[in-house]
Protein backbone atom coordinates (compact mmCIF):
# COMPACT_ATOMS: atom_id res chain seq x y z
CA UNK A 1 -169.31 -193.06 112.53
CA UNK A 2 -167.66 -194.72 115.25
CA UNK A 3 -170.50 -197.05 115.87
CA UNK A 4 -169.58 -199.20 112.83
CA UNK A 5 -168.84 -202.94 112.97
CA UNK A 6 -165.13 -202.41 111.73
CA UNK A 7 -164.45 -200.06 114.84
CA UNK A 8 -165.17 -203.23 116.92
CA UNK A 9 -162.83 -205.43 114.96
CA UNK A 10 -160.03 -202.68 115.01
CA UNK A 11 -160.51 -202.18 118.71
CA UNK A 12 -160.06 -205.96 119.30
CA UNK A 13 -156.96 -205.79 117.32
CA UNK A 14 -155.76 -203.05 119.70
CA UNK A 15 -156.66 -205.32 122.62
CA UNK A 16 -154.56 -208.00 121.06
CA UNK A 17 -151.76 -205.58 121.02
CA UNK A 18 -152.06 -204.67 124.57
CA UNK A 19 -152.18 -208.28 125.58
CA UNK A 20 -149.05 -208.96 123.55
CA UNK A 21 -147.32 -205.99 125.30
CA UNK A 22 -148.35 -207.58 128.64
CA UNK A 23 -147.20 -211.05 127.95
CA UNK A 24 -144.17 -210.28 125.70
CA UNK A 25 -142.08 -208.61 128.42
CA UNK A 26 -139.81 -211.76 128.52
CA UNK A 27 -138.99 -211.51 124.65
CA UNK A 28 -135.20 -211.13 124.24
CA UNK A 29 -134.09 -211.71 120.65
CA UNK A 30 -132.13 -208.38 120.05
CA UNK A 31 -130.64 -208.27 123.76
CA UNK A 32 -132.01 -205.55 126.05
CA UNK A 33 -133.84 -203.63 123.32
CA UNK A 34 -137.66 -203.72 124.08
CA UNK A 35 -138.65 -204.47 120.67
CA UNK A 36 -142.07 -205.79 121.35
CA UNK A 37 -143.07 -203.02 123.63
CA UNK A 38 -142.01 -200.51 120.80
CA UNK A 39 -143.92 -202.40 118.27
CA UNK A 40 -146.99 -202.82 120.48
CA UNK A 41 -147.24 -198.99 121.19
CA UNK A 42 -146.96 -198.26 117.49
CA UNK A 43 -149.86 -200.81 117.08
CA UNK A 44 -152.16 -199.40 119.47
CA UNK A 45 -151.43 -195.82 118.19
CA UNK A 46 -152.25 -196.94 114.64
CA UNK A 47 -155.23 -198.54 115.78
CA UNK A 48 -156.58 -195.59 117.56
CA UNK A 49 -155.62 -193.46 114.47
CA UNK A 50 -157.40 -196.00 112.27
CA UNK A 51 -160.67 -195.52 114.47
CA UNK A 52 -160.50 -191.79 114.73
CA UNK A 53 -160.08 -191.57 110.71
CA UNK A 54 -163.48 -193.12 110.03
CA UNK A 55 -164.35 -190.51 107.54
CA UNK A 56 -161.38 -191.27 105.17
CA UNK A 57 -161.94 -194.99 104.47
CA UNK A 58 -158.76 -195.30 102.31
CA UNK A 59 -156.51 -193.89 104.82
CA UNK A 60 -158.27 -196.24 107.27
CA UNK A 61 -157.51 -199.39 105.05
CA UNK A 62 -153.79 -198.09 104.69
CA UNK A 63 -153.46 -197.79 108.48
CA UNK A 64 -154.80 -201.24 108.87
CA UNK A 65 -152.50 -202.61 106.15
CA UNK A 66 -149.48 -200.94 108.05
CA UNK A 67 -150.68 -202.55 111.20
CA UNK A 68 -151.07 -206.00 109.41
CA UNK A 69 -147.44 -205.94 108.32
CA UNK A 70 -146.15 -205.01 111.60
CA UNK A 71 -148.36 -207.84 113.13
CA UNK A 72 -146.96 -210.33 110.62
CA UNK A 73 -143.35 -209.35 111.31
CA UNK A 74 -144.15 -209.69 114.85
CA UNK A 75 -145.66 -213.16 114.31
CA UNK A 76 -142.52 -214.02 112.48
CA UNK A 77 -140.15 -212.86 115.20
CA UNK A 78 -142.11 -214.69 118.00
CA UNK A 79 -142.19 -217.88 116.01
CA UNK A 80 -138.62 -217.74 115.49
CA UNK A 81 -138.01 -216.78 119.16
CA UNK A 82 -139.97 -219.87 120.24
CA UNK A 83 -138.20 -222.08 117.96
CA UNK A 84 -134.90 -221.05 119.43
CA UNK A 85 -136.00 -220.81 123.06
CA UNK A 86 -134.90 -223.65 125.14
CA UNK A 87 -137.65 -225.06 127.58
CA UNK A 88 -140.17 -227.83 127.39
CA UNK A 89 -141.83 -228.83 130.67
CA UNK A 90 -139.72 -226.18 132.77
CA UNK A 91 -141.28 -223.41 130.58
CA UNK A 92 -145.08 -224.12 130.48
CA UNK A 93 -146.22 -220.71 128.95
CA UNK A 94 -144.17 -221.24 125.78
CA UNK A 95 -146.22 -220.30 122.79
CA UNK A 96 -148.80 -217.76 124.20
CA UNK A 97 -147.27 -214.67 122.46
CA UNK A 98 -147.89 -215.53 118.80
CA UNK A 99 -151.53 -216.04 119.30
CA UNK A 100 -151.95 -212.21 119.95
CA UNK A 101 -150.77 -211.05 116.57
CA UNK A 102 -152.52 -213.79 114.86
CA UNK A 103 -155.76 -212.72 116.44
CA UNK A 104 -154.75 -209.02 115.69
CA UNK A 105 -154.26 -210.05 111.88
CA UNK A 106 -157.58 -211.72 111.63
CA UNK A 107 -159.45 -208.89 113.15
CA UNK A 108 -157.71 -206.31 110.93
CA UNK A 109 -158.45 -208.41 107.93
CA UNK A 110 -162.18 -208.60 108.93
CA UNK A 111 -162.27 -204.80 109.56
CA UNK A 112 -160.73 -204.33 106.10
CA UNK A 113 -163.59 -206.30 104.51
CA UNK A 114 -166.26 -204.23 106.35
CA UNK A 115 -164.47 -201.04 105.36
CA UNK A 116 -164.44 -202.06 101.59
CA UNK A 117 -168.23 -203.03 101.86
CA UNK A 118 -168.88 -199.46 103.23
CA UNK A 119 -166.65 -198.06 100.28
CA UNK A 120 -168.75 -199.84 97.87
CA UNK A 121 -172.10 -198.83 99.34
CA UNK A 122 -171.07 -195.09 99.25
CA UNK A 123 -170.00 -195.53 95.71
CA UNK A 124 -173.28 -197.14 94.75
CA UNK A 125 -175.28 -194.37 96.55
CA UNK A 126 -173.17 -191.67 94.48
CA UNK A 127 -173.99 -193.37 91.23
CA UNK A 128 -177.75 -192.98 91.85
CA UNK A 129 -177.70 -189.38 92.28
């Protein structure tokens, strides 16, 4: 069922990855390698795959956990990049990029809570039969 609440949370995590793709174009930690763009595309694909695997809740949780790990790595890389970035007043938008992986992590954690709640509900109904 695509109309479950966890679908909305996963979709919000996908939107966070899209916003990171848009704002993270100036990220240059590894030289000209577009690491942020590649990771954002992977996150969007994993998110849509997670939404479409609504029948297999364990797979959905695994895909969300993989997305959580990628978002945590992105958050660490972006925090390191911001700490090594020179700037100050001349670079006013310094600090917006780590917000999106953090929001995605929160949304995916909430989605996993609701997926586990559905799993418990299905198991309890199966016990009654």
